[in-house]
Amino acid sequence: MIRNWNEESLDHRNALLYAMGISEDEARRPVIGLVNSWNEMNPGHFPFKEVIPLMKKTIYAAGGLALELPISGICDGICSNTPGDRYTLPARDLVSSEVEMTAELNMLEGMVILATCDKVVPGMIMGALRVDIPVVMFTGGYMLPGAHRGKMLTLTHTKQAYAAWVAGDMPREEYKAIVRNACPTPGACPFMGTANTMCACAEVLGLSPAGNASVRSQSEEWREMARQAALRVVAAVNEEERPSSFITQSSFENVVRYMMATGGSSNSLLHIPAMARQMGFDITPETFDALSREVPVLNSIYPSHKTHTMVEFSQAGGLDAVLKELVEGGRIDASVKGLFGSIAERAESAVNRDAEIIRPVSNPISSQGGLAVLHGNIGTESAIVKFSAVDKAAWKFSGKARVYDSQDDAWNAILQDEIVAGDVVVIRYEGPKGSPGMPHMETFMAAVLGKGLGTKIALVSDGRFSGATGGLAVGHVSPEAYEGGNIAFIRDGDTIHIDIEARTLSVDLGEEEFKKRREGFVPIEKPATGWLALYRKNTTSAHKGATVFWD
């Protein structure tokens, strides 16, 4: 048994379990928590309710006692472009605390953690790695893409359509039709955004059943994976197989390699370092940049591709097919093990059904991975760009700065045509401490794309982006404006240069001018109470995962 009980404590617990109809025989079984994020506010987590009874039955038949323990399950999309978005990244650390508390307070022998969406998957993993008891992760699968007038739709198209309507390029009825048809089923948004990137992270780490990160939600295949997850957690409990038994530094590096090959979300530069840190491993922006130079882009789905979604990715062979190509191309550590087989074993049984959707290393979409880390006198620690979603014509861009101290100000400015082609928009005081909470700048960039300015305007921000963000968007600028980073001292009209291939981000200002502008600096203090105030006080920079759990 994982836990050590004395007789009095165990009897005290059991007396409470008996109150809920659990028998003495059942109370002697290992208690396995189904720590899940099901709720009726979030389509990503909504499907779990239908498989929890199946998992309970499967665990019981294998000798365990599964008890449901719900925790927070949030969705970035629900609060996008509202003050609520400031809570989404801090929610990751809160979720990790809930997992830790739930496991330790209840003295669980093991867990199945169930989540799908952007911050909840990494948050659950962070908590599970701190606790280090046997754990399996089961993710919710992807939703089907929407369609309207023969065109593929996802959630992010609604923002682009709004900008087009405001600009007078689309009738209001057309905009509303896109909203109505964008999300036809539950599951994770069907593009290579943060949710699907994080679900893949759980699988590559070896915590999820094979194929779980590239399966359609509520399908029979998905339900069978739920059964496999339930069986495997019982075996892990019986064998006392903890995450520390198989997860290594190479495991996390493999996650980065996979993410590079698939054009994963820029938010992974916040989440993967934070997860790795829970086990004492170091994944830094420099790790991402080094591996980006080694691992080519093999797969391209929205936003890197205009029409391909998780449907085409899954049909081509999904996650395991990517692993197969990476193994055959020598771009991943195939010896790394997991609960559902080693990388080598997974790759050996995989089939790539479409070499145009998932390409071999010898014929990549791009010779370098999908993310780049930029350096210069803006973001002296680091800044991030998902260049797999940037038209190559915009990889080198210079322009005059248009500076805003919030996304709202910049969004209203572009809707009113105050921002024009050639501008480099600077949105600051949206970092982990400055906002606080580091909301995503997706709304602004969706307006840029909706107005057809994706290669004609650049954005530089200490905020972050949705995994679905396209266009020339540079984020995670560290140090952020609130902490006196150089981004705080850029003024309208300064000339900014972005060079993705050279990995540089700079403004035409010398150190003497920066010194003058720093005199008497007082950061803008945006209001924050409660959890946000605690987060602002304790979080690290984006360069170090934007987490309160760094050391």
Protein backbone atom coordinates (compact mmCIF):
# COMPACT_ATOMS: atom_id res chain seq x y z
CA MET A 1 0.00 0.00 0.00
CA ILE A 2 1.16 3.53 -0.79
CA ARG A 3 -0.23 5.03 2.45
CA ASN A 4 0.63 4.11 6.03
CA TRP A 5 -2.43 4.16 8.32
CA ASN A 6 -2.64 3.46 12.03
CA GLU A 7 -5.71 1.52 13.12
CA GLU A 8 -7.44 4.45 14.80
CA SER A 9 -7.05 6.80 11.83
CA LEU A 10 -8.22 4.18 9.35
CA ASP A 11 -11.25 3.31 11.45
CA HIS A 12 -12.08 7.00 11.82
CA ARG A 13 -12.03 7.37 8.03
CA ASN A 14 -14.01 4.19 7.49
CA ALA A 15 -16.77 5.31 9.84
CA LEU A 16 -17.37 8.19 7.45
CA LEU A 17 -17.25 5.96 4.39
CA TYR A 18 -19.84 3.62 5.96
CA ALA A 19 -22.17 6.62 6.25
CA MET A 20 -22.33 6.69 2.42
CA GLY A 21 -23.16 3.02 2.01
CA ILE A 22 -19.62 1.70 1.53
CA SER A 23 -19.25 -1.76 3.09
CA GLU A 24 -16.47 -2.99 5.37
CA ASP A 25 -15.13 -5.17 2.55
CA GLU A 26 -15.10 -2.24 0.12
CA ALA A 27 -13.34 -0.01 2.64
CA ARG A 28 -10.44 -2.50 2.68
CA ARG A 29 -9.82 -1.92 -1.04
CA PRO A 30 -7.30 0.69 -2.23
CA VAL A 31 -9.16 3.98 -2.70
CA ILE A 32 -8.54 5.44 -6.12
CA GLY A 33 -9.72 8.99 -6.66
CA LEU A 34 -11.40 9.96 -9.91
CA VAL A 35 -10.21 13.54 -9.65
CA ASN A 36 -12.18 15.16 -12.40
CA SER A 37 -13.06 18.56 -13.82
CA TRP A 38 -16.56 17.77 -15.09
CA ASN A 39 -18.92 20.72 -15.14
CA GLU A 40 -21.77 22.17 -17.18
CA MET A 41 -19.93 25.38 -18.17
CA ASN A 42 -17.16 23.90 -20.30
CA PRO A 43 -17.49 21.67 -23.40
CA GLY A 44 -13.95 20.36 -22.95
CA HIS A 45 -14.74 18.78 -19.58
CA PHE A 46 -18.42 18.12 -20.16
CA PRO A 47 -18.02 14.57 -21.61
CA PHE A 48 -16.44 13.04 -18.49
CA LYS A 49 -19.73 12.45 -16.73
CA GLU A 50 -20.64 9.70 -19.17
CA VAL A 51 -17.45 7.64 -18.62
CA ILE A 52 -17.02 8.03 -14.86
CA PRO A 53 -19.53 5.19 -14.13
CA LEU A 54 -17.62 2.95 -16.57
CA MET A 55 -14.33 3.77 -14.87
CA LYS A 56 -15.80 3.11 -11.42
CA LYS A 57 -17.12 -0.28 -12.53
CA THR A 58 -13.82 -1.23 -14.19
CA ILE A 59 -11.75 -0.26 -11.16
CA TYR A 60 -14.09 -2.12 -8.83
CA ALA A 61 -13.86 -5.30 -10.92
CA ALA A 62 -10.06 -5.03 -10.78
CA GLY A 63 -10.07 -4.83 -6.98
CA GLY A 64 -10.06 -1.08 -6.27
CA LEU A 65 -12.63 1.35 -4.93
CA ALA A 66 -13.04 4.38 -7.18
CA LEU A 67 -14.52 7.49 -5.59
CA GLU A 68 -15.35 10.63 -7.56
CA LEU A 69 -13.64 13.82 -6.39
CA PRO A 70 -14.53 16.86 -8.55
CA ILE A 71 -12.30 19.93 -8.69
CA SER A 72 -12.22 23.15 -10.73
CA GLY A 73 -12.49 22.93 -14.50
CA ILE A 74 -12.14 26.24 -16.33
CA CYS A 75 -12.19 27.23 -19.99
CA ASP A 76 -10.28 30.19 -21.43
CA GLY A 77 -12.90 30.67 -24.10
CA ILE A 78 -15.71 31.26 -21.62
CA CYS A 79 -14.09 34.45 -20.33
CA SER A 80 -12.12 35.61 -23.36
CA ASN A 81 -11.87 39.38 -23.68
CA THR A 82 -13.31 39.91 -20.19
CA PRO A 83 -11.69 40.65 -16.80
CA GLY A 84 -12.21 36.98 -16.00
CA ASP A 85 -9.40 36.04 -18.37
CA ARG A 86 -6.94 37.28 -15.75
CA TYR A 87 -7.83 34.18 -13.72
CA THR A 88 -7.18 31.51 -16.34
CA LEU A 89 -3.39 31.13 -15.99
CA PRO A 90 -3.43 31.50 -12.18
CA ALA A 91 -6.14 28.80 -12.20
CA ARG A 92 -3.47 26.32 -13.32
CA ASP A 93 -1.60 26.71 -10.03
CA LEU A 94 -4.86 26.65 -8.08
CA VAL A 95 -5.86 23.38 -9.78
CA SER A 96 -2.46 21.90 -8.96
CA SER A 97 -3.09 22.78 -5.30
CA GLU A 98 -6.52 21.16 -5.45
CA VAL A 99 -5.03 17.92 -6.81
CA GLU A 100 -2.30 17.93 -4.18
CA MET A 101 -4.76 18.66 -1.38
CA THR A 102 -7.34 16.14 -2.59
CA ALA A 103 -4.77 13.36 -2.84
CA GLU A 104 -2.98 14.05 0.42
CA LEU A 105 -5.95 15.01 2.60
CA ASN A 106 -7.87 11.90 1.53
CA MET A 107 -4.76 9.69 1.62
CA LEU A 108 -5.56 8.30 -1.83
CA GLU A 109 -3.70 5.21 -2.99
CA GLY A 110 -3.92 6.34 -6.59
CA MET A 111 -5.71 8.71 -8.95
CA VAL A 112 -7.17 9.02 -12.38
CA ILE A 113 -7.03 12.71 -13.23
CA LEU A 114 -9.58 13.76 -15.85
CA ALA A 115 -9.22 17.07 -17.70
CA THR A 116 -9.08 18.44 -21.23
CA CYS A 117 -8.55 22.17 -21.37
CA ASP A 118 -5.65 24.58 -21.48
CA LYS A 119 -4.77 25.24 -17.84
CA VAL A 120 -6.45 22.31 -16.12
CA VAL A 121 -4.39 19.56 -17.79
CA PRO A 122 -1.00 21.06 -16.80
CA GLY A 123 -2.37 22.07 -13.41
CA MET A 124 -3.49 18.53 -12.66
CA ILE A 125 -0.16 17.14 -13.83
CA MET A 126 1.75 19.61 -11.64
CA GLY A 127 -0.24 18.52 -8.58
CA ALA A 128 0.09 14.82 -9.41
CA LEU A 129 3.86 15.10 -9.84
CA ARG A 130 4.21 16.81 -6.45
CA VAL A 131 2.16 14.11 -4.75
CA ASP A 132 3.91 11.28 -6.65
CA ILE A 133 1.40 8.51 -6.09
CA PRO A 134 0.25 6.17 -8.90
CA VAL A 135 -1.68 8.26 -11.41
CA VAL A 136 -3.17 7.94 -14.89
CA MET A 137 -4.48 10.90 -16.85
CA PHE A 138 -7.53 10.57 -19.09
CA THR A 139 -8.27 13.49 -21.39
CA GLY A 140 -11.57 14.38 -23.02
CA GLY A 141 -10.83 14.12 -26.76
CA TYR A 142 -11.42 16.76 -29.40
CA MET A 143 -14.70 18.32 -30.55
CA LEU A 144 -15.65 18.17 -34.20
CA PRO A 145 -14.95 21.32 -36.21
CA GLY A 146 -17.90 23.44 -37.23
CA ALA A 147 -18.91 24.32 -40.77
CA HIS A 148 -20.76 27.14 -42.47
CA ARG A 149 -21.26 27.66 -46.19
CA GLY A 150 -18.80 24.86 -46.87
CA LYS A 151 -15.99 26.36 -44.79
CA MET A 152 -14.37 24.86 -41.70
CA LEU A 153 -15.01 26.72 -38.45
CA THR A 154 -13.53 26.70 -34.98
CA LEU A 155 -14.09 28.90 -31.95
CA THR A 156 -11.41 31.36 -32.99
CA HIS A 157 -13.23 32.11 -36.25
CA THR A 158 -15.95 33.85 -34.22
CA LYS A 159 -13.49 36.56 -33.16
CA GLN A 160 -12.26 37.04 -36.71
CA ALA A 161 -15.86 37.27 -37.90
CA TYR A 162 -16.66 39.89 -35.27
CA ALA A 163 -13.81 42.10 -36.52
CA ALA A 164 -14.97 41.60 -40.11
CA TRP A 165 -18.54 42.60 -39.14
CA VAL A 166 -17.35 45.72 -37.31
CA ALA A 167 -15.26 46.64 -40.35
CA GLY A 168 -18.34 46.34 -42.55
CA ASP A 169 -16.94 43.37 -44.47
CA MET A 170 -19.54 40.88 -43.22
CA PRO A 171 -23.30 41.12 -42.54
CA ARG A 172 -24.33 40.78 -38.91
CA GLU A 173 -26.45 37.70 -39.77
CA GLU A 174 -23.36 36.00 -41.23
CA TYR A 175 -21.35 36.77 -38.11
CA LYS A 176 -24.07 35.32 -35.87
CA ALA A 177 -24.30 32.20 -38.07
CA ILE A 178 -20.57 31.62 -37.60
CA VAL A 179 -20.99 31.94 -33.83
CA ARG A 180 -23.87 29.44 -33.89
CA ASN A 181 -21.99 26.84 -35.95
CA ALA A 182 -18.43 27.11 -34.64
CA CYS A 183 -18.61 24.50 -31.84
CA PRO A 184 -20.95 21.62 -32.80
CA THR A 185 -19.95 19.01 -30.16
CA PRO A 186 -18.27 18.74 -26.74
CA GLY A 187 -14.52 18.23 -26.49
CA ALA A 188 -11.34 20.27 -26.91
CA CYS A 189 -11.32 22.90 -29.65
CA PRO A 190 -10.15 20.91 -32.71
CA PHE A 191 -6.99 22.85 -33.56
CA MET A 192 -3.41 22.66 -32.32
CA GLY A 193 -4.09 25.04 -29.48
CA THR A 194 -3.10 24.76 -25.86
CA ALA A 195 -5.69 22.12 -24.96
CA ASN A 196 -4.58 19.59 -27.57
CA THR A 197 -0.92 20.46 -26.96
CA MET A 198 -1.33 19.76 -23.24
CA CYS A 199 -3.29 16.55 -23.80
CA ALA A 200 -0.42 15.42 -26.03
CA CYS A 201 2.00 16.39 -23.26
CA ALA A 202 0.24 14.02 -20.84
CA GLU A 203 0.41 11.21 -23.38
CA VAL A 204 4.07 11.71 -24.35
CA LEU A 205 4.96 11.80 -20.63
CA GLY A 206 3.44 8.33 -20.45
CA LEU A 207 0.46 9.20 -18.26
CA SER A 208 -2.38 8.68 -20.78
CA PRO A 209 -3.61 5.73 -22.89
CA ALA A 210 -2.18 5.47 -26.39
CA GLY A 211 -4.12 7.72 -28.75
CA ASN A 212 -5.98 9.61 -26.03
CA ALA A 213 -4.67 12.99 -27.21
CA SER A 214 -5.85 12.49 -30.79
CA VAL A 215 -9.24 10.81 -30.42
CA ARG A 216 -12.70 12.27 -30.97
CA SER A 217 -14.57 12.97 -27.77
CA GLN A 218 -17.52 10.68 -26.93
CA SER A 219 -16.52 8.12 -29.59
CA GLU A 220 -16.46 4.40 -28.83
CA GLU A 221 -12.68 4.47 -29.16
CA TRP A 222 -12.56 7.21 -26.51
CA ARG A 223 -14.77 5.18 -24.15
CA GLU A 224 -12.50 2.16 -24.57
CA MET A 225 -9.54 4.35 -23.60
CA ALA A 226 -11.39 5.30 -20.41
CA ARG A 227 -11.64 1.60 -19.58
CA GLN A 228 -7.91 1.15 -20.30
CA ALA A 229 -7.07 4.08 -18.03
CA ALA A 230 -9.13 2.55 -15.22
CA LEU A 231 -7.42 -0.84 -15.53
CA ARG A 232 -3.96 0.67 -15.71
CA VAL A 233 -4.31 2.76 -12.56
CA VAL A 234 -5.20 -0.33 -10.53
CA ALA A 235 -2.12 -2.11 -11.87
CA ALA A 236 0.02 0.95 -11.06
CA VAL A 237 -1.35 1.01 -7.49
CA ASN A 238 -0.67 -2.70 -7.04
CA GLU A 239 2.87 -2.25 -8.38
CA GLU A 240 3.40 1.07 -6.53
CA GLU A 241 4.38 2.59 -9.86
CA ARG A 242 4.68 6.32 -9.31
CA PRO A 243 5.44 9.09 -11.85
CA SER A 244 8.99 9.23 -10.47
CA SER A 245 9.36 5.59 -11.52
CA PHE A 246 9.43 6.48 -15.22
CA ILE A 247 9.37 10.26 -15.85
CA THR A 248 12.83 11.74 -16.44
CA GLN A 249 14.42 14.88 -17.86
CA SER A 250 14.33 13.12 -21.24
CA SER A 251 10.57 12.63 -20.85
CA PHE A 252 10.05 16.38 -20.73
CA GLU A 253 12.51 16.99 -23.56
CA ASN A 254 10.51 14.49 -25.62
CA VAL A 255 7.39 16.54 -24.93
CA VAL A 256 9.14 19.63 -26.30
CA ARG A 257 10.33 17.65 -29.34
CA TYR A 258 6.79 16.45 -30.07
CA MET A 259 5.43 19.95 -29.64
CA MET A 260 7.97 21.34 -32.09
CA ALA A 261 7.06 18.69 -34.66
CA THR A 262 3.36 19.52 -34.43
CA GLY A 263 3.45 23.33 -34.13
CA GLY A 264 2.19 23.23 -30.56
CA SER A 265 0.94 26.14 -28.50
CA SER A 266 3.26 28.91 -27.31
CA ASN A 267 1.66 28.44 -23.88
CA SER A 268 3.70 25.26 -23.57
CA LEU A 269 6.64 27.53 -22.69
CA LEU A 270 4.74 28.37 -19.51
CA HIS A 271 3.39 24.93 -18.71
CA ILE A 272 6.14 22.45 -19.55
CA PRO A 273 8.82 24.25 -17.47
CA ALA A 274 6.36 24.54 -14.56
CA MET A 275 5.50 20.84 -14.74
CA ALA A 276 9.12 19.76 -15.01
CA ARG A 277 10.06 21.90 -12.03
CA GLN A 278 7.74 19.86 -9.78
CA MET A 279 10.13 16.93 -10.21
CA GLY A 280 13.31 18.99 -10.05
CA PHE A 281 13.95 18.98 -13.80
CA ASP A 282 14.93 22.08 -15.76
CA ILE A 283 13.17 22.96 -19.00
CA THR A 284 13.87 26.56 -20.02
CA PRO A 285 13.12 28.78 -23.02
CA GLU A 286 16.65 27.95 -24.14
CA THR A 287 15.69 24.26 -24.13
CA PHE A 288 12.82 25.04 -26.46
CA ASP A 289 14.98 27.08 -28.78
CA ALA A 290 17.74 24.47 -28.95
CA LEU A 291 15.27 21.68 -29.70
CA SER A 292 13.48 23.90 -32.22
CA ARG A 293 16.68 23.90 -34.24
CA GLU A 294 16.84 20.08 -34.13
CA VAL A 295 13.23 19.05 -34.70
CA PRO A 296 11.39 19.99 -37.92
CA VAL A 297 7.68 20.68 -38.27
CA LEU A 298 6.07 17.46 -39.52
CA ASN A 299 2.40 18.26 -39.11
CA SER A 300 0.37 21.37 -39.71
CA ILE A 301 -3.21 21.84 -38.56
CA TYR A 302 -5.14 25.01 -37.77
CA PRO A 303 -3.92 27.70 -37.06
CA SER A 304 -0.80 26.69 -39.00
CA HIS A 305 -3.02 25.22 -41.78
CA LYS A 306 -6.16 26.87 -43.07
CA THR A 307 -8.42 23.79 -43.21
CA HIS A 308 -6.81 20.79 -41.49
CA THR A 309 -8.02 20.10 -37.94
CA MET A 310 -7.68 17.31 -35.38
CA VAL A 311 -9.99 15.24 -37.59
CA GLU A 312 -7.42 15.01 -40.38
CA PHE A 313 -4.61 14.58 -37.85
CA SER A 314 -6.40 11.67 -36.20
CA GLN A 315 -7.25 10.02 -39.52
CA ALA A 316 -3.59 10.18 -40.53
CA GLY A 317 -2.52 8.29 -37.42
CA GLY A 318 -2.46 10.92 -34.72
CA LEU A 319 0.11 11.26 -31.98
CA ASP A 320 1.66 7.81 -32.40
CA ALA A 321 2.26 8.42 -36.10
CA VAL A 322 4.23 11.56 -35.20
CA LEU A 323 6.25 9.55 -32.68
CA LYS A 324 6.93 6.98 -35.40
CA GLU A 325 8.35 9.62 -37.75
CA LEU A 326 10.41 11.20 -34.96
CA VAL A 327 11.86 7.82 -33.95
CA GLU A 328 12.67 6.85 -37.53
CA GLY A 329 14.24 10.26 -38.07
CA GLY A 330 16.29 10.07 -34.88
CA ARG A 331 14.72 13.17 -33.37
CA ILE A 332 13.36 11.76 -30.08
CA ASP A 333 14.61 9.58 -27.22
CA ALA A 334 12.86 6.29 -27.99
CA SER A 335 14.04 4.60 -24.78
CA VAL A 336 11.83 6.74 -22.54
CA LYS A 337 9.16 4.67 -20.79
CA GLY A 338 5.58 5.33 -19.76
CA LEU A 339 2.58 3.59 -18.22
CA PHE A 340 1.35 2.55 -21.66
CA GLY A 341 4.67 1.52 -23.24
CA SER A 342 7.95 3.12 -24.22
CA ILE A 343 8.27 5.65 -27.03
CA ALA A 344 9.91 2.89 -29.11
CA GLU A 345 7.03 0.48 -28.50
CA ARG A 346 4.45 3.14 -29.31
CA ALA A 347 6.25 4.03 -32.54
CA GLU A 348 6.66 0.40 -33.59
CA SER A 349 2.92 -0.26 -33.53
CA ALA A 350 1.99 3.08 -35.15
CA VAL A 351 0.86 3.58 -38.74
CA ASN A 352 1.18 6.81 -40.70
CA ARG A 353 -1.78 6.71 -43.08
CA ASP A 354 -1.08 10.03 -44.81
CA ALA A 355 2.50 11.22 -45.32
CA GLU A 356 1.23 14.63 -46.44
CA ILE A 357 -0.64 15.26 -43.18
CA ILE A 358 2.12 13.78 -40.98
CA ARG A 359 5.37 14.01 -42.87
CA PRO A 360 8.62 12.12 -42.40
CA VAL A 361 11.67 13.94 -41.06
CA SER A 362 13.19 13.70 -44.55
CA ASN A 363 10.35 15.80 -46.02
CA PRO A 364 9.32 18.31 -43.36
CA ILE A 365 7.00 21.29 -43.64
CA SER A 366 9.73 23.40 -42.04
CA SER A 367 13.30 22.45 -41.20
CA GLN A 368 12.93 23.94 -37.72
CA GLY A 369 10.32 23.43 -35.01
CA GLY A 370 7.25 25.61 -34.64
CA LEU A 371 8.42 27.98 -31.87
CA ALA A 372 11.31 30.39 -31.57
CA VAL A 373 12.79 32.20 -28.58
CA LEU A 374 13.83 35.77 -29.36
CA HIS A 375 16.37 37.94 -27.54
CA GLY A 376 17.40 41.58 -27.73
CA ASN A 377 16.90 44.81 -25.87
CA ILE A 378 13.16 44.08 -25.72
CA GLY A 379 12.75 41.01 -23.54
CA THR A 380 16.31 40.76 -22.30
CA GLU A 381 15.49 37.36 -20.77
CA SER A 382 13.29 36.04 -23.58
CA ALA A 383 10.28 36.49 -25.84
CA ILE A 384 8.31 33.84 -27.74
CA VAL A 385 6.84 33.55 -31.23
CA LYS A 386 4.92 30.64 -32.77
CA PHE A 387 6.42 31.13 -36.20
CA SER A 388 4.76 28.04 -37.68
CA ALA A 389 1.60 30.21 -37.64
CA VAL A 390 3.35 33.20 -39.22
CA ASP A 391 3.50 33.73 -42.97
CA LYS A 392 7.15 33.53 -43.99
CA ALA A 393 6.82 36.96 -45.62
CA ALA A 394 6.51 38.42 -42.10
CA TRP A 395 9.43 36.60 -40.47
CA LYS A 396 11.45 39.81 -40.76
CA PHE A 397 9.47 42.91 -39.83
CA SER A 398 10.28 46.49 -38.83
CA GLY A 399 7.90 49.29 -37.99
CA LYS A 400 6.96 52.18 -35.75
CA ALA A 401 5.66 51.35 -32.27
CA ARG A 402 2.03 51.96 -31.30
CA VAL A 403 1.97 51.51 -27.53
CA TYR A 404 -1.01 50.45 -25.37
CA ASP A 405 -1.15 49.59 -21.68
CA SER A 406 -3.96 47.07 -22.08
CA GLN A 407 -5.38 44.74 -24.71
CA ASP A 408 -8.74 46.51 -24.51
CA ASP A 409 -7.17 49.79 -25.62
CA ALA A 410 -5.38 48.14 -28.54
CA TRP A 411 -8.47 46.14 -29.58
CA ASN A 412 -10.66 49.23 -29.66
CA ALA A 413 -7.96 51.07 -31.61
CA ILE A 414 -7.77 48.46 -34.35
CA LEU A 415 -11.54 48.21 -34.62
CA GLN A 416 -11.58 51.98 -35.16
CA ASP A 417 -8.79 51.75 -37.79
CA GLU A 418 -6.33 53.72 -35.66
CA ILE A 419 -3.72 50.99 -36.24
CA VAL A 420 -2.49 50.68 -39.81
CA ALA A 421 -0.30 48.42 -41.93
CA GLY A 422 3.35 48.68 -40.94
CA ASP A 423 2.71 49.32 -37.24
CA VAL A 424 4.31 47.28 -34.48
CA VAL A 425 1.69 47.26 -31.73
CA VAL A 426 3.06 47.02 -28.19
CA ILE A 427 0.60 45.77 -25.55
CA ARG A 428 2.14 45.83 -22.08
CA TYR A 429 1.15 45.51 -18.43
CA GLU A 430 -0.54 42.22 -19.36
CA GLY A 431 2.16 39.95 -17.91
CA PRO A 432 1.93 37.57 -14.92
CA LYS A 433 2.29 40.43 -12.40
CA GLY A 434 1.15 43.38 -14.48
CA SER A 435 -2.35 42.26 -15.38
CA PRO A 436 -2.07 40.33 -13.04
CA GLY A 437 -2.69 36.88 -14.48
CA MET A 438 -1.21 37.18 -18.00
CA PRO A 439 -4.42 37.04 -20.10
CA HIS A 440 -4.12 36.04 -23.74
CA MET A 441 -3.96 38.58 -26.53
CA GLU A 442 -6.03 36.41 -28.87
CA THR A 443 -8.83 38.97 -29.22
CA PHE A 444 -6.49 41.61 -30.62
CA MET A 445 -4.79 39.21 -33.03
CA ALA A 446 -8.13 37.81 -34.19
CA ALA A 447 -9.14 41.36 -35.09
CA VAL A 448 -5.87 41.73 -37.04
CA LEU A 449 -6.63 38.55 -38.98
CA GLY A 450 -10.28 39.46 -39.41
CA LYS A 451 -9.20 42.68 -41.10
CA GLY A 452 -6.77 40.85 -43.38
CA LEU A 453 -3.68 42.37 -41.77
CA GLY A 454 -1.98 39.16 -40.62
CA THR A 455 1.33 39.91 -42.42
CA LYS A 456 1.09 43.69 -42.22
CA ILE A 457 0.94 44.33 -38.47
CA ALA A 458 3.14 42.89 -35.71
CA LEU A 459 2.34 42.57 -32.02
CA VAL A 460 4.86 42.59 -29.18
CA SER A 461 3.47 41.91 -25.69
CA ASP A 462 4.31 40.73 -22.20
CA GLY A 463 0.96 38.90 -22.33
CA ARG A 464 0.46 35.46 -23.81
CA PHE A 465 -1.55 34.06 -26.70
CA SER A 466 -4.20 31.48 -27.36
CA GLY A 467 -2.84 28.35 -28.99
CA ALA A 468 -5.05 29.26 -31.95
CA THR A 469 -3.43 32.65 -32.48
CA GLY A 470 -2.07 33.28 -35.95
CA GLY A 471 -0.16 36.21 -37.39
CA LEU A 472 3.08 37.86 -36.26
CA ALA A 473 2.53 37.81 -32.52
CA VAL A 474 5.51 37.95 -30.14
CA GLY A 475 4.61 37.35 -26.51
CA HIS A 476 5.91 36.40 -23.06
CA VAL A 477 8.31 39.37 -23.15
CA SER A 478 10.42 39.03 -20.01
CA PRO A 479 11.08 40.97 -17.85
CA GLU A 480 7.55 42.33 -18.14
CA ALA A 481 6.61 46.00 -17.94
CA TYR A 482 5.40 45.76 -14.33
CA GLU A 483 8.86 44.62 -13.23
CA GLY A 484 10.62 47.39 -15.12
CA GLY A 485 11.52 45.44 -18.22
CA ASN A 486 12.53 47.49 -21.24
CA ILE A 487 9.10 47.03 -22.81
CA ALA A 488 7.84 49.54 -20.20
CA PHE A 489 9.92 52.32 -21.75
CA ILE A 490 9.01 51.99 -25.42
CA ARG A 491 7.15 55.03 -26.76
CA ASP A 492 4.97 55.68 -29.79
CA GLY A 493 7.14 56.13 -32.85
CA ASP A 494 10.14 54.11 -31.67
CA THR A 495 11.33 51.72 -34.39
CA ILE A 496 11.07 48.01 -33.52
CA HIS A 497 12.74 45.19 -35.42
CA ILE A 498 11.67 41.51 -35.40
CA ASP A 499 13.81 38.87 -37.09
CA ILE A 500 12.58 35.34 -36.46
CA GLU A 501 15.39 33.55 -38.29
CA ALA A 502 18.01 35.60 -36.43
CA ARG A 503 16.01 35.16 -33.19
CA THR A 504 16.13 38.88 -32.40
CA LEU A 505 13.68 41.45 -31.01
CA SER A 506 14.98 44.97 -30.60
CA VAL A 507 14.10 48.65 -30.55
CA ASP A 508 16.32 51.44 -31.86
CA LEU A 509 17.22 52.75 -28.41
CA GLY A 510 20.61 52.78 -26.72
CA GLU A 511 21.26 52.05 -23.09
CA GLU A 512 21.71 55.75 -22.32
CA GLU A 513 18.20 56.49 -23.61
CA PHE A 514 16.76 53.59 -21.62
CA LYS A 515 18.51 54.94 -18.53
CA LYS A 516 16.86 58.34 -19.00
CA ARG A 517 13.42 56.81 -19.51
CA ARG A 518 13.79 54.65 -16.40
CA GLU A 519 14.21 57.66 -14.12
CA GLY A 520 11.33 57.90 -11.68
CA PHE A 521 9.69 54.74 -13.05
CA VAL A 522 6.49 53.72 -11.25
CA PRO A 523 4.65 50.74 -12.74
CA ILE A 524 0.96 50.90 -13.55
CA GLU A 525 -0.85 49.12 -10.73
CA LYS A 526 -3.94 47.37 -12.06
CA PRO A 527 -6.46 46.35 -9.38
CA ALA A 528 -6.20 42.87 -7.88
CA THR A 529 -7.75 41.29 -4.82
CA GLY A 530 -7.85 37.83 -3.29
CA TRP A 531 -6.29 35.07 -5.37
CA LEU A 532 -5.03 37.46 -8.05
CA ALA A 533 -3.27 39.59 -5.43
CA LEU A 534 -1.61 36.48 -3.98
CA TYR A 535 -0.61 35.35 -7.45
CA ARG A 536 0.92 38.74 -8.30
CA LYS A 537 2.93 38.66 -5.06
CA ASN A 538 4.28 35.13 -5.52
CA THR A 539 4.48 34.29 -9.21
CA THR A 540 7.65 33.95 -11.23
CA SER A 541 8.14 35.64 -14.59
CA ALA A 542 6.96 34.09 -17.85
CA HIS A 543 10.60 33.14 -18.41
CA LYS A 544 10.20 30.79 -15.43
CA GLY A 545 6.74 29.40 -16.09
CA ALA A 546 4.65 32.17 -14.47
CA THR A 547 4.00 29.94 -11.47
CA VAL A 548 3.92 30.22 -7.68
CA PHE A 549 5.41 26.69 -7.53
CA TRP A 550 8.87 27.23 -8.99
CA ASP A 551 11.07 26.24 -6.03
